Amino acid sequence: MASKTNPFTFLQQVRSETSKVTWPTRRETTISTLMVFVMVFFAALFFFAADQLMGWLIGLVLNAGI
């Protein structure tokens, strides 16, 4: 079983590890955010088109029996 670390030591370790992180620049964050919005837009467009197509095909099949 691992030994318990007191809260003060734990916070020191967290601070030490956080200082090693390479944070993205403002430009990198902006570009990544824009790319996410673009991909979400295209995914929404794709799923909207797929939903409309499937709805139309199901309508054809259900109305063919009449």
PDB file of N, CA and C in Angstrom:
ATOM      1  N   MET A   1       0.834  -1.170   0.000  1.00  0.00           N
ATOM      2  CA  MET A   1       0.000   0.000   0.000  1.00  0.00           C
ATOM      3  C   MET A   1       0.885   1.241   0.000  1.00  0.00           C
ATOM      4  N   ALA A   2       0.519   2.228  -0.791  1.00  0.00           N
ATOM      5  CA  ALA A   2       1.304   3.449  -0.889  1.00  0.00           C
ATOM      6  C   ALA A   2       1.134   4.285   0.367  1.00  0.00           C
ATOM      7  N   SER A   3       2.219   4.955   0.762  1.00  0.00           N
ATOM      8  CA  SER A   3       2.130   5.806   1.945  1.00  0.00           C
ATOM      9  C   SER A   3       1.374   7.088   1.609  1.00  0.00           C
ATOM     10  N   LYS A   4       0.722   7.646   2.608  1.00  0.00           N
ATOM     11  CA  LYS A   4      -0.056   8.867   2.398  1.00  0.00           C
ATOM     12  C   LYS A   4       0.881  10.068   2.361  1.00  0.00           C
ATOM     13  N   THR A   5       0.555  11.012   1.499  1.00  0.00           N
ATOM     14  CA  THR A   5       1.307  12.253   1.408  1.00  0.00           C
ATOM     15  C   THR A   5       0.489  13.340   2.072  1.00  0.00           C
ATOM     16  N   ASN A   6       1.154  14.151   2.885  1.00  0.00           N
ATOM     17  CA  ASN A   6       0.381  15.207   3.529  1.00  0.00           C
ATOM     18  C   ASN A   6      -0.011  16.260   2.495  1.00  0.00           C
ATOM     19  N   PRO A   7      -1.071  17.013   2.758  1.00  0.00           N
ATOM     20  CA  PRO A   7      -1.593  17.970   1.773  1.00  0.00           C
ATOM     21  C   PRO A   7      -0.565  19.018   1.337  1.00  0.00           C
ATOM     22  N   PHE A   8       0.270  19.482   2.239  1.00  0.00           N
ATOM     23  CA  PHE A   8       1.263  20.499   1.880  1.00  0.00           C
ATOM     24  C   PHE A   8       2.264  19.945   0.867  1.00  0.00           C
ATOM     25  N   THR A   9       2.757  18.734   1.100  1.00  0.00           N
ATOM     26  CA  THR A   9       3.691  18.101   0.163  1.00  0.00           C
ATOM     27  C   THR A   9       3.020  17.853  -1.181  1.00  0.00           C
ATOM     28  N   PHE A  10       1.770  17.412  -1.121  1.00  0.00           N
ATOM     29  CA  PHE A  10       1.031  17.176  -2.360  1.00  0.00           C
ATOM     30  C   PHE A  10       0.927  18.453  -3.189  1.00  0.00           C
ATOM     31  N   LEU A  11       0.560  19.570  -2.547  1.00  0.00           N
ATOM     32  CA  LEU A  11       0.443  20.837  -3.268  1.00  0.00           C
ATOM     33  C   LEU A  11       1.790  21.296  -3.829  1.00  0.00           C
ATOM     34  N   GLN A  12       2.864  21.045  -3.113  1.00  0.00           N
ATOM     35  CA  GLN A  12       4.203  21.379  -3.628  1.00  0.00           C
ATOM     36  C   GLN A  12       4.499  20.560  -4.882  1.00  0.00           C
ATOM     37  N   GLN A  13       4.153  19.284  -4.861  1.00  0.00           N
ATOM     38  CA  GLN A  13       4.382  18.417  -6.020  1.00  0.00           C
ATOM     39  C   GLN A  13       3.535  18.853  -7.208  1.00  0.00           C
ATOM     40  N   VAL A  14       2.301  19.225  -6.945  1.00  0.00           N
ATOM     41  CA  VAL A  14       1.425  19.703  -8.012  1.00  0.00           C
ATOM     42  C   VAL A  14       2.003  20.964  -8.634  1.00  0.00           C
ATOM     43  N   ARG A  15       2.444  21.890  -7.798  1.00  0.00           N
ATOM     44  CA  ARG A  15       3.025  23.140  -8.299  1.00  0.00           C
ATOM     45  C   ARG A  15       4.283  22.863  -9.134  1.00  0.00           C
ATOM     46  N   SER A  16       5.109  21.930  -8.659  1.00  0.00           N
ATOM     47  CA  SER A  16       6.331  21.567  -9.378  1.00  0.00           C
ATOM     48  C   SER A  16       6.004  20.970 -10.755  1.00  0.00           C
ATOM     49  N   GLU A  17       5.016  20.067 -10.793  1.00  0.00           N
ATOM     50  CA  GLU A  17       4.643  19.440 -12.061  1.00  0.00           C
ATOM     51  C   GLU A  17       3.985  20.448 -13.003  1.00  0.00           C
ATOM     52  N   THR A  18       3.175  21.358 -12.473  1.00  0.00           N
ATOM     53  CA  THR A  18       2.512  22.366 -13.295  1.00  0.00           C
ATOM     54  C   THR A  18       3.518  23.304 -13.951  1.00  0.00           C
ATOM     55  N   SER A  19       4.622  23.561 -13.262  1.00  0.00           N
ATOM     56  CA  SER A  19       5.635  24.448 -13.845  1.00  0.00           C
ATOM     57  C   SER A  19       6.337  23.807 -15.035  1.00  0.00           C
ATOM     58  N   LYS A  20       6.256  22.482 -15.163  1.00  0.00           N
ATOM     59  CA  LYS A  20       6.893  21.775 -16.285  1.00  0.00           C
ATOM     60  C   LYS A  20       6.017  21.758 -17.542  1.00  0.00           C
ATOM     61  N   VAL A  21       4.755  22.154 -17.403  1.00  0.00           N
ATOM     62  CA  VAL A  21       3.817  22.113 -18.526  1.00  0.00           C
ATOM     63  C   VAL A  21       4.170  23.197 -19.541  1.00  0.00           C
ATOM     64  N   THR A  22       4.133  22.836 -20.812  1.00  0.00           N
ATOM     65  CA  THR A  22       4.317  23.817 -21.873  1.00  0.00           C
ATOM     66  C   THR A  22       2.932  24.280 -22.300  1.00  0.00           C
ATOM     67  N   TRP A  23       2.566  25.496 -21.929  1.00  0.00           N
ATOM     68  CA  TRP A  23       1.246  26.019 -22.208  1.00  0.00           C
ATOM     69  C   TRP A  23       1.186  26.552 -23.631  1.00  0.00           C
ATOM     70  N   PRO A  24       0.052  26.394 -24.322  1.00  0.00           N
ATOM     71  CA  PRO A  24      -0.068  26.912 -25.691  1.00  0.00           C
ATOM     72  C   PRO A  24      -0.083  28.445 -25.699  1.00  0.00           C
ATOM     73  N   THR A  25       0.373  28.996 -26.804  1.00  0.00           N
ATOM     74  CA  THR A  25       0.348  30.449 -26.948  1.00  0.00           C
ATOM     75  C   THR A  25      -1.082  30.888 -27.258  1.00  0.00           C
ATOM     76  N   ARG A  26      -1.302  32.188 -27.194  1.00  0.00           N
ATOM     77  CA  ARG A  26      -2.625  32.739 -27.503  1.00  0.00           C
ATOM     78  C   ARG A  26      -2.994  32.410 -28.953  1.00  0.00           C
ATOM     79  N   ARG A  27      -2.025  32.497 -29.857  1.00  0.00           N
ATOM     80  CA  ARG A  27      -2.272  32.200 -31.277  1.00  0.00           C
ATOM     81  C   ARG A  27      -2.653  30.728 -31.468  1.00  0.00           C
ATOM     82  N   GLU A  28      -1.922  29.824 -30.819  1.00  0.00           N
ATOM     83  CA  GLU A  28      -2.228  28.396 -30.932  1.00  0.00           C
ATOM     84  C   GLU A  28      -3.631  28.089 -30.394  1.00  0.00           C
ATOM     85  N   THR A  29      -3.988  28.724 -29.285  1.00  0.00           N
ATOM     86  CA  THR A  29      -5.312  28.515 -28.709  1.00  0.00           C
ATOM     87  C   THR A  29      -6.396  29.029 -29.641  1.00  0.00           C
ATOM     88  N   THR A  30      -6.177  30.190 -30.246  1.00  0.00           N
ATOM     89  CA  THR A  30      -7.163  30.762 -31.170  1.00  0.00           C
ATOM     90  C   THR A  30      -7.341  29.877 -32.391  1.00  0.00           C
ATOM     91  N   ILE A  31      -6.244  29.418 -32.970  1.00  0.00           N
ATOM     92  CA  ILE A  31      -6.314  28.561 -34.162  1.00  0.00           C
ATOM     93  C   ILE A  31      -7.015  27.243 -33.827  1.00  0.00           C
ATOM     94  N   SER A  32      -6.681  26.651 -32.675  1.00  0.00           N
ATOM     95  CA  SER A  32      -7.323  25.397 -32.282  1.00  0.00           C
ATOM     96  C   SER A  32      -8.821  25.590 -32.071  1.00  0.00           C
ATOM     97  N   THR A  33      -9.194  26.705 -31.447  1.00  0.00           N
ATOM     98  CA  THR A  33     -10.609  26.988 -31.222  1.00  0.00           C
ATOM     99  C   THR A  33     -11.353  27.149 -32.537  1.00  0.00           C
ATOM    100  N   LEU A  34     -10.770  27.875 -33.468  1.00  0.00           N
ATOM    101  CA  LEU A  34     -11.401  28.064 -34.777  1.00  0.00           C
ATOM    102  C   LEU A  34     -11.545  26.738 -35.514  1.00  0.00           C
ATOM    103  N   MET A  35     -10.525  25.889 -35.428  1.00  0.00           N
ATOM    104  CA  MET A  35     -10.597  24.583 -36.090  1.00  0.00           C
ATOM    105  C   MET A  35     -11.715  23.727 -35.479  1.00  0.00           C
ATOM    106  N   VAL A  36     -11.889  23.802 -34.172  1.00  0.00           N
ATOM    107  CA  VAL A  36     -12.971  23.054 -33.528  1.00  0.00           C
ATOM    108  C   VAL A  36     -14.318  23.541 -34.048  1.00  0.00           C
ATOM    109  N   PHE A  37     -14.513  24.863 -34.129  1.00  0.00           N
ATOM    110  CA  PHE A  37     -15.781  25.392 -34.642  1.00  0.00           C
ATOM    111  C   PHE A  37     -16.019  24.981 -36.088  1.00  0.00           C
ATOM    112  N   VAL A  38     -14.978  24.997 -36.913  1.00  0.00           N
ATOM    113  CA  VAL A  38     -15.124  24.592 -38.315  1.00  0.00           C
ATOM    114  C   VAL A  38     -15.506  23.119 -38.404  1.00  0.00           C
ATOM    115  N   MET A  39     -14.841  22.269 -37.626  1.00  0.00           N
ATOM    116  CA  MET A  39     -15.151  20.837 -37.668  1.00  0.00           C
ATOM    117  C   MET A  39     -16.557  20.553 -37.140  1.00  0.00           C
ATOM    118  N   VAL A  40     -16.982  21.268 -36.101  1.00  0.00           N
ATOM    119  CA  VAL A  40     -18.338  21.102 -35.577  1.00  0.00           C
ATOM    120  C   VAL A  40     -19.355  21.513 -36.635  1.00  0.00           C
ATOM    121  N   PHE A  41     -19.084  22.595 -37.353  1.00  0.00           N
ATOM    122  CA  PHE A  41     -19.983  23.042 -38.411  1.00  0.00           C
ATOM    123  C   PHE A  41     -20.121  21.972 -39.492  1.00  0.00           C
ATOM    124  N   PHE A  42     -18.987  21.428 -39.951  1.00  0.00           N
ATOM    125  CA  PHE A  42     -19.049  20.408 -41.004  1.00  0.00           C
ATOM    126  C   PHE A  42     -19.701  19.120 -40.510  1.00  0.00           C
ATOM    127  N   ALA A  43     -19.458  18.749 -39.260  1.00  0.00           N
ATOM    128  CA  ALA A  43     -20.111  17.553 -38.705  1.00  0.00           C
ATOM    129  C   ALA A  43     -21.619  17.776 -38.627  1.00  0.00           C
ATOM    130  N   ALA A  44     -22.039  18.957 -38.183  1.00  0.00           N
ATOM    131  CA  ALA A  44     -23.471  19.262 -38.110  1.00  0.00           C
ATOM    132  C   ALA A  44     -24.099  19.242 -39.496  1.00  0.00           C
ATOM    133  N   LEU A  45     -23.412  19.791 -40.474  1.00  0.00           N
ATOM    134  CA  LEU A  45     -23.906  19.797 -41.855  1.00  0.00           C
ATOM    135  C   LEU A  45     -24.049  18.368 -42.381  1.00  0.00           C
ATOM    136  N   PHE A  46     -23.039  17.532 -42.121  1.00  0.00           N
ATOM    137  CA  PHE A  46     -23.082  16.141 -42.564  1.00  0.00           C
ATOM    138  C   PHE A  46     -24.256  15.393 -41.929  1.00  0.00           C
ATOM    139  N   PHE A  47     -24.403  15.522 -40.609  1.00  0.00           N
ATOM    140  CA  PHE A  47     -25.472  14.797 -39.927  1.00  0.00           C
ATOM    141  C   PHE A  47     -26.849  15.327 -40.307  1.00  0.00           C
ATOM    142  N   PHE A  48     -26.952  16.611 -40.574  1.00  0.00           N
ATOM    143  CA  PHE A  48     -28.223  17.160 -41.043  1.00  0.00           C
ATOM    144  C   PHE A  48     -28.584  16.555 -42.404  1.00  0.00           C
ATOM    145  N   ALA A  49     -27.605  16.518 -43.320  1.00  0.00           N
ATOM    146  CA  ALA A  49     -27.851  15.954 -44.654  1.00  0.00           C
ATOM    147  C   ALA A  49     -28.182  14.462 -44.555  1.00  0.00           C
ATOM    148  N   ALA A  50     -27.451  13.728 -43.714  1.00  0.00           N
ATOM    149  CA  ALA A  50     -27.719  12.298 -43.555  1.00  0.00           C
ATOM    150  C   ALA A  50     -29.117  12.067 -42.983  1.00  0.00           C
ATOM    151  N   ASP A  51     -29.512  12.886 -42.021  1.00  0.00           N
ATOM    152  CA  ASP A  51     -30.842  12.764 -41.424  1.00  0.00           C
ATOM    153  C   ASP A  51     -31.934  13.059 -42.450  1.00  0.00           C
ATOM    154  N   GLN A  52     -31.743  14.088 -43.244  1.00  0.00           N
ATOM    155  CA  GLN A  52     -32.737  14.435 -44.266  1.00  0.00           C
ATOM    156  C   GLN A  52     -32.848  13.318 -45.304  1.00  0.00           C
ATOM    157  N   LEU A  53     -31.714  12.776 -45.727  1.00  0.00           N
ATOM    158  CA  LEU A  53     -31.714  11.696 -46.716  1.00  0.00           C
ATOM    159  C   LEU A  53     -32.411  10.452 -46.168  1.00  0.00           C
ATOM    160  N   MET A  54     -32.073  10.068 -44.934  1.00  0.00           N
ATOM    161  CA  MET A  54     -32.708   8.882 -44.356  1.00  0.00           C
ATOM    162  C   MET A  54     -34.206   9.100 -44.145  1.00  0.00           C
ATOM    163  N   GLY A  55     -34.585  10.303 -43.744  1.00  0.00           N
ATOM    164  CA  GLY A  55     -36.013  10.605 -43.580  1.00  0.00           C
ATOM    165  C   GLY A  55     -36.750  10.504 -44.902  1.00  0.00           C
ATOM    166  N   TRP A  56     -36.131  11.009 -45.948  1.00  0.00           N
ATOM    167  CA  TRP A  56     -36.740  10.944 -47.275  1.00  0.00           C
ATOM    168  C   TRP A  56     -36.865   9.490 -47.740  1.00  0.00           C
ATOM    169  N   LEU A  57     -35.802   8.679 -47.554  1.00  0.00           N
ATOM    170  CA  LEU A  57     -35.844   7.280 -47.972  1.00  0.00           C
ATOM    171  C   LEU A  57     -36.884   6.492 -47.172  1.00  0.00           C
ATOM    172  N   ILE A  58     -36.952   6.717 -45.881  1.00  0.00           N
ATOM    173  CA  ILE A  58     -37.952   6.031 -45.059  1.00  0.00           C
ATOM    174  C   ILE A  58     -39.354   6.437 -45.474  1.00  0.00           C
ATOM    175  N   GLY A  59     -39.536   7.700 -45.799  1.00  0.00           N
ATOM    176  CA  GLY A  59     -40.835   8.168 -46.292  1.00  0.00           C
ATOM    177  C   GLY A  59     -41.219   7.449 -47.582  1.00  0.00           C
ATOM    178  N   LEU A  60     -40.249   7.273 -48.475  1.00  0.00           N
ATOM    179  CA  LEU A  60     -40.538   6.546 -49.730  1.00  0.00           C
ATOM    180  C   LEU A  60     -40.947   5.118 -49.455  1.00  0.00           C
ATOM    181  N   VAL A  61     -40.243   4.448 -48.567  1.00  0.00           N
ATOM    182  CA  VAL A  61     -40.546   3.050 -48.255  1.00  0.00           C
ATOM    183  C   VAL A  61     -41.909   2.929 -47.599  1.00  0.00           C
ATOM    184  N   LEU A  62     -42.229   3.790 -46.658  1.00  0.00           N
ATOM    185  CA  LEU A  62     -43.498   3.693 -45.957  1.00  0.00           C
ATOM    186  C   LEU A  62     -44.682   4.064 -46.857  1.00  0.00           C
ATOM    187  N   ASN A  63     -44.475   4.990 -47.761  1.00  0.00           N
ATOM    188  CA  ASN A  63     -45.559   5.393 -48.666  1.00  0.00           C
ATOM    189  C   ASN A  63     -45.714   4.439 -49.847  1.00  0.00           C
ATOM    190  N   ALA A  64     -44.729   3.579 -50.074  1.00  0.00           N
ATOM    191  CA  ALA A  64     -44.803   2.646 -51.201  1.00  0.00           C
ATOM    192  C   ALA A  64     -45.847   1.558 -50.942  1.00  0.00           C
ATOM    193  N   GLY A  65     -46.168   1.296 -49.688  1.00  0.00           N
ATOM    194  CA  GLY A  65     -47.143   0.257 -49.372  1.00  0.00           C
ATOM    195  C   GLY A  65     -48.573   0.696 -49.534  1.00  0.00           C
ATOM    196  N   ILE A  66     -48.782   1.978 -49.762  1.00  0.00           N
ATOM    197  CA  ILE A  66     -50.167   2.502 -49.874  1.00  0.00           C
ATOM    198  C   ILE A  66     -50.726   2.261 -51.256  1.00  0.00           C
TER     199      ILE A  66
END
